[in-house]
Amino acid sequence: MEYHDQVAQAAAYIQERFLEPIPYGILLGTGLGNLGNQMEVIRSLDYKEIPHFPLSTVESHSGQLLFGILGGKKVLAMKGRFHYYEGYSMKEVTFPIRVMQVLGVRTLLVSNASGGLNPAQKIGEVMVIRDHINLFPENPLRGRNYEDWGPRFPDMSEAYSQRLIRLALQLGAEMNIPLHTGVYCGVEGPNLETPAEYAYLRKIGGDAVGMSTVPEVLVARHCGMEVFGMSAITDLGVEGKIHQVSLDDVIAAAAKAEPLMSQLLLGLLSRLD
């Protein structure tokens, strides 16, 4: 079955159960996993129920699609995402974004855990993503282009919405949440970086590095969605501050950032049109 048809089939299955267009999509990655508990959940679907939907293999990512009310807005939230390092193709990693497009999502809010490259950052802080550097070996837009999804050569001069970044910074000031803005480097993983790689990423303009987000953002912008992204700084790749990091360390640091990220996202949703 053609990829386009797989997306249509998955979207049709979801539409039969959610019944109405949903303007806002959220990827509840590391740092926002518990935000789903604050939703007024109207309906949830396990990923395994949805035709052609991938399944997350990462223990810190559950696998549910939630439809409900958050910040006074109707949202479709992915509780758990997919990664290239899990063995999925980029088309599989970004499959849910294509489905969201068909379901009417026009604004995508994404979160992740990342390693900080900027010496000004501290573990547990939040970085608002203003741009990214794509270092993945495969692009989700490679291959046949479906014109009803987007243009063959999508512009990326504003991958992350300047309007939403300004609003987030304003909210951060009002809520006394210290925020950095920075450039996110997307790498394939699953290993963390060597000290030399951290230094390289910093030299090419990176402020944080992680193993997700960039593929989804590329597809979302191809679809014409407005995108906002933020990172929980869970470890530091700064000379003199590099040490061994475990998954438990990352989860603990993300948990520290989670209340700030949740507060910021709820504030954003409440002020969006």
Protein backbone atom coordinates (compact mmCIF):
# COMPACT_ATOMS: atom_id res chain seq x y z
CA MET A 1 0.00 0.00 0.00
CA GLU A 2 1.26 3.49 -0.87
CA TYR A 3 2.45 5.64 2.03
CA HIS A 4 -0.16 8.27 1.15
CA ASP A 5 -2.90 5.63 1.41
CA GLN A 6 -1.56 4.35 4.73
CA VAL A 7 -1.78 7.86 6.18
CA ALA A 8 -5.32 8.27 4.83
CA GLN A 9 -6.37 4.93 6.34
CA ALA A 10 -4.91 5.78 9.76
CA ALA A 11 -6.53 9.23 9.70
CA ALA A 12 -9.91 7.77 8.71
CA TYR A 13 -9.74 5.32 11.64
CA ILE A 14 -9.05 8.18 14.05
CA GLN A 15 -11.68 10.46 12.51
CA GLU A 16 -14.36 7.82 13.08
CA ARG A 17 -13.61 8.07 16.79
CA PHE A 18 -12.78 11.77 17.26
CA LEU A 19 -15.34 13.09 14.76
CA GLU A 20 -14.13 16.70 14.47
CA PRO A 21 -11.11 18.66 13.20
CA ILE A 22 -8.40 19.22 15.81
CA PRO A 23 -6.34 22.42 15.34
CA TYR A 24 -3.51 21.79 17.84
CA GLY A 25 -1.08 18.89 17.98
CA ILE A 26 1.36 18.18 20.82
CA LEU A 27 4.27 15.75 20.96
CA LEU A 28 4.58 14.87 24.63
CA GLY A 29 8.20 13.86 24.51
CA THR A 30 10.61 13.68 27.41
CA GLY A 31 9.84 16.62 29.66
CA LEU A 32 6.12 16.71 28.93
CA GLY A 33 5.07 13.08 29.36
CA ASN A 34 2.88 13.84 32.37
CA LEU A 35 1.14 16.82 30.78
CA GLY A 36 -1.40 14.35 29.42
CA ASN A 37 -2.56 13.89 33.02
CA GLN A 38 -3.63 17.55 33.04
CA MET A 39 -5.75 17.12 29.93
CA GLU A 40 -9.47 16.70 30.00
CA VAL A 41 -9.19 13.51 27.96
CA ILE A 42 -12.26 12.85 25.84
CA ARG A 43 -10.86 9.83 24.03
CA SER A 44 -7.61 7.90 23.93
CA LEU A 45 -6.26 5.34 21.50
CA ASP A 46 -3.31 3.01 21.94
CA TYR A 47 -0.91 3.29 19.02
CA LYS A 48 -1.32 -0.44 18.39
CA GLU A 49 -5.01 0.14 17.59
CA ILE A 50 -4.30 2.58 14.75
CA PRO A 51 -3.62 1.12 11.29
CA HIS A 52 0.03 1.47 10.17
CA PHE A 53 1.02 3.42 13.31
CA PRO A 54 4.51 2.62 14.63
CA LEU A 55 5.05 1.55 18.24
CA SER A 56 7.53 3.19 20.60
CA THR A 57 10.26 0.91 21.92
CA VAL A 58 11.72 3.41 24.41
CA GLU A 59 10.80 2.73 28.04
CA SER A 60 10.35 6.41 28.90
CA HIS A 61 7.80 6.85 26.08
CA SER A 62 4.31 5.41 26.42
CA GLY A 63 2.22 4.92 23.30
CA GLN A 64 -1.13 6.69 23.35
CA LEU A 65 -2.93 9.22 21.22
CA LEU A 66 -5.03 11.53 23.39
CA PHE A 67 -7.86 13.77 22.23
CA GLY A 68 -9.15 16.32 24.70
CA ILE A 69 -9.05 19.83 26.11
CA LEU A 70 -5.88 21.50 27.36
CA GLY A 71 -5.48 25.18 28.08
CA GLY A 72 -9.03 25.65 26.85
CA LYS A 73 -8.16 24.30 23.38
CA LYS A 74 -8.96 21.09 21.56
CA VAL A 75 -5.72 19.20 21.19
CA LEU A 76 -4.43 15.92 19.83
CA ALA A 77 -1.51 14.78 21.97
CA MET A 78 0.99 12.05 21.22
CA LYS A 79 2.13 10.46 24.47
CA GLY A 80 5.35 8.94 23.19
CA ARG A 81 7.17 9.53 19.90
CA PHE A 82 9.31 7.49 17.52
CA HIS A 83 13.01 7.82 16.84
CA TYR A 84 15.27 7.03 13.92
CA TYR A 85 17.61 5.12 16.25
CA GLU A 86 14.82 2.63 17.01
CA GLY A 87 15.25 1.33 13.49
CA TYR A 88 12.35 3.16 11.90
CA SER A 89 12.64 4.93 8.58
CA MET A 90 12.10 8.67 8.58
CA LYS A 91 8.74 8.13 6.89
CA GLU A 92 7.71 5.97 9.85
CA VAL A 93 9.10 8.42 12.41
CA THR A 94 7.02 11.24 10.91
CA PHE A 95 3.93 9.18 10.05
CA PRO A 96 1.91 10.70 12.94
CA ILE A 97 2.60 14.24 11.68
CA ARG A 98 1.15 13.34 8.29
CA VAL A 99 -1.89 11.89 10.05
CA MET A 100 -2.23 15.05 12.13
CA GLN A 101 -2.24 17.11 8.94
CA VAL A 102 -5.17 15.12 7.57
CA LEU A 103 -6.98 15.52 10.91
CA GLY A 104 -6.76 19.32 10.65
CA VAL A 105 -3.82 20.13 12.94
CA ARG A 106 -2.40 23.56 12.02
CA THR A 107 -0.13 24.23 15.01
CA LEU A 108 2.40 21.72 16.35
CA LEU A 109 3.99 22.01 19.79
CA VAL A 110 6.98 19.73 20.42
CA SER A 111 9.27 18.97 23.34
CA ASN A 112 12.38 16.90 23.90
CA ALA A 113 15.26 16.16 26.23
CA SER A 114 18.62 17.38 25.04
CA GLY A 115 22.24 17.79 26.03
CA GLY A 116 23.25 21.37 26.64
CA LEU A 117 26.15 22.76 24.61
CA ASN A 118 25.94 26.36 25.77
CA PRO A 119 27.99 27.12 28.93
CA ALA A 120 25.20 29.44 30.12
CA GLN A 121 22.79 26.52 30.47
CA LYS A 122 22.09 24.46 33.58
CA ILE A 123 20.58 21.01 33.98
CA GLY A 124 16.81 21.24 34.42
CA GLU A 125 16.45 24.49 32.49
CA VAL A 126 14.30 24.99 29.41
CA MET A 127 15.54 26.08 26.00
CA VAL A 128 13.12 27.50 23.45
CA ILE A 129 14.23 26.26 20.04
CA ARG A 130 14.73 29.10 17.56
CA ASP A 131 16.37 27.05 14.80
CA HIS A 132 17.93 23.66 14.16
CA ILE A 133 20.83 21.95 12.41
CA ASN A 134 19.85 18.71 10.72
CA LEU A 135 22.57 16.06 11.06
CA PHE A 136 20.37 13.02 10.43
CA PRO A 137 21.53 10.75 7.58
CA GLU A 138 18.03 10.52 6.07
CA ASN A 139 15.43 13.19 5.30
CA PRO A 140 11.71 12.42 5.75
CA LEU A 141 10.93 14.49 2.64
CA ARG A 142 13.13 12.29 0.44
CA GLY A 143 11.28 10.37 -2.24
CA ARG A 144 7.96 11.00 -3.92
CA ASN A 145 6.34 14.33 -3.07
CA TYR A 146 2.57 14.47 -2.75
CA GLU A 147 1.47 17.93 -3.83
CA ASP A 148 -1.63 17.83 -1.62
CA TRP A 149 0.71 17.55 1.37
CA GLY A 150 3.16 20.29 0.50
CA PRO A 151 5.69 21.63 -2.02
CA ARG A 152 8.65 19.69 -3.39
CA PHE A 153 11.14 22.22 -1.97
CA PRO A 154 9.68 23.63 1.28
CA ASP A 155 11.18 26.81 2.71
CA MET A 156 12.82 26.53 6.13
CA SER A 157 13.71 30.17 6.79
CA GLU A 158 11.28 30.08 9.73
CA ALA A 159 11.15 26.47 10.83
CA TYR A 160 10.09 27.60 14.31
CA SER A 161 7.44 30.30 14.56
CA GLN A 162 8.87 33.66 15.55
CA ARG A 163 5.40 34.66 16.75
CA LEU A 164 5.23 31.72 19.15
CA ILE A 165 8.81 32.24 20.32
CA ARG A 166 8.04 35.86 21.21
CA LEU A 167 4.90 34.79 23.05
CA ALA A 168 6.80 32.08 24.96
CA LEU A 169 9.49 34.53 26.05
CA GLN A 170 6.83 36.98 27.18
CA LEU A 171 5.12 34.23 29.17
CA GLY A 172 8.43 33.14 30.66
CA ALA A 173 9.06 36.66 31.93
CA GLU A 174 5.54 36.89 33.38
CA MET A 175 5.82 33.47 35.07
CA ASN A 176 9.41 34.00 36.24
CA ILE A 177 10.59 31.00 34.21
CA PRO A 178 14.22 31.40 33.08
CA LEU A 179 14.33 30.63 29.37
CA HIS A 180 17.16 30.35 26.88
CA THR A 181 16.65 30.41 23.12
CA GLY A 182 18.99 28.36 21.03
CA VAL A 183 19.80 26.13 18.09
CA TYR A 184 18.99 22.43 18.39
CA CYS A 185 21.26 19.90 16.66
CA GLY A 186 19.43 16.75 15.58
CA VAL A 187 21.58 13.59 15.48
CA GLU A 188 20.68 9.95 14.88
CA GLY A 189 21.91 8.42 18.18
CA PRO A 190 21.37 6.29 20.18
CA ASN A 191 24.77 6.87 21.78
CA LEU A 192 25.49 10.14 23.51
CA GLU A 193 28.23 12.30 22.05
CA THR A 194 31.96 12.16 22.69
CA PRO A 195 33.64 15.27 24.13
CA ALA A 196 35.09 16.00 20.68
CA GLU A 197 31.62 15.73 19.11
CA TYR A 198 30.14 18.06 21.72
CA ALA A 199 32.89 20.57 20.91
CA TYR A 200 32.21 20.21 17.17
CA LEU A 201 28.47 20.75 17.59
CA ARG A 202 29.12 23.87 19.61
CA LYS A 203 31.51 25.21 16.98
CA ILE A 204 28.97 24.80 14.18
CA GLY A 205 26.40 26.83 16.11
CA GLY A 206 24.57 24.38 18.34
CA ASP A 207 23.20 25.19 21.79
CA ALA A 208 21.71 21.74 22.45
CA VAL A 209 21.80 18.28 20.90
CA GLY A 210 19.22 15.52 20.77
CA MET A 211 17.90 12.58 18.79
CA SER A 212 14.42 13.72 17.78
CA THR A 213 12.29 16.73 16.79
CA VAL A 214 14.02 17.76 13.55
CA PRO A 215 12.29 15.12 11.38
CA GLU A 216 8.85 15.99 12.77
CA VAL A 217 9.47 19.71 12.33
CA LEU A 218 10.59 19.24 8.70
CA VAL A 219 7.36 17.42 7.91
CA ALA A 220 5.20 19.84 9.90
CA ARG A 221 6.62 22.79 8.00
CA HIS A 222 6.20 20.91 4.71
CA CYS A 223 2.54 20.61 5.73
CA GLY A 224 2.32 24.34 6.45
CA MET A 225 1.97 23.94 10.22
CA GLU A 226 3.14 26.60 12.64
CA VAL A 227 5.71 25.03 14.98
CA PHE A 228 6.92 25.71 18.50
CA GLY A 229 9.64 23.63 20.14
CA MET A 230 11.39 23.48 23.49
CA SER A 231 14.07 21.34 25.09
CA ALA A 232 14.63 20.19 28.65
CA ILE A 233 18.38 20.41 29.29
CA THR A 234 19.07 17.04 30.89
CA ASP A 235 22.88 16.84 30.74
CA LEU A 236 25.79 19.05 29.73
CA GLY A 237 28.21 18.62 26.85
CA VAL A 238 30.36 21.52 27.96
CA GLU A 239 34.09 21.08 28.55
CA GLY A 240 34.73 20.49 32.24
CA LYS A 241 31.10 19.49 32.91
CA ILE A 242 30.90 16.24 30.90
CA HIS A 243 30.33 13.05 32.87
CA GLN A 244 28.73 9.66 32.37
CA VAL A 245 24.95 9.90 31.94
CA SER A 246 22.33 7.16 32.29
CA LEU A 247 18.70 7.08 31.16
CA ASP A 248 17.71 7.50 34.81
CA ASP A 249 19.77 10.70 34.95
CA VAL A 250 18.01 12.04 31.85
CA ILE A 251 14.56 11.19 33.19
CA ALA A 252 15.34 12.80 36.56
CA ALA A 253 16.58 16.00 34.91
CA ALA A 254 13.56 16.07 32.59
CA ALA A 255 11.28 15.69 35.60
CA LYS A 256 12.89 18.82 37.07
CA ALA A 257 12.11 20.77 33.89
CA GLU A 258 8.65 19.30 33.37
CA PRO A 259 6.65 21.69 35.61
CA LEU A 260 8.22 24.66 33.83
CA MET A 261 7.57 23.23 30.37
CA SER A 262 4.00 22.29 31.26
CA GLN A 263 3.31 25.75 32.65
CA LEU A 264 4.75 27.37 29.55
CA LEU A 265 2.81 25.16 27.15
CA LEU A 266 -0.47 25.69 28.98
CA GLY A 267 0.14 29.43 28.89
CA LEU A 268 0.83 29.29 25.15
CA LEU A 269 -2.31 27.30 24.40
CA SER A 270 -4.49 29.63 26.44
CA ARG A 271 -3.32 32.65 24.40
CA LEU A 272 -3.49 31.12 20.94
CA ASP A 273 -6.34 32.01 18.62
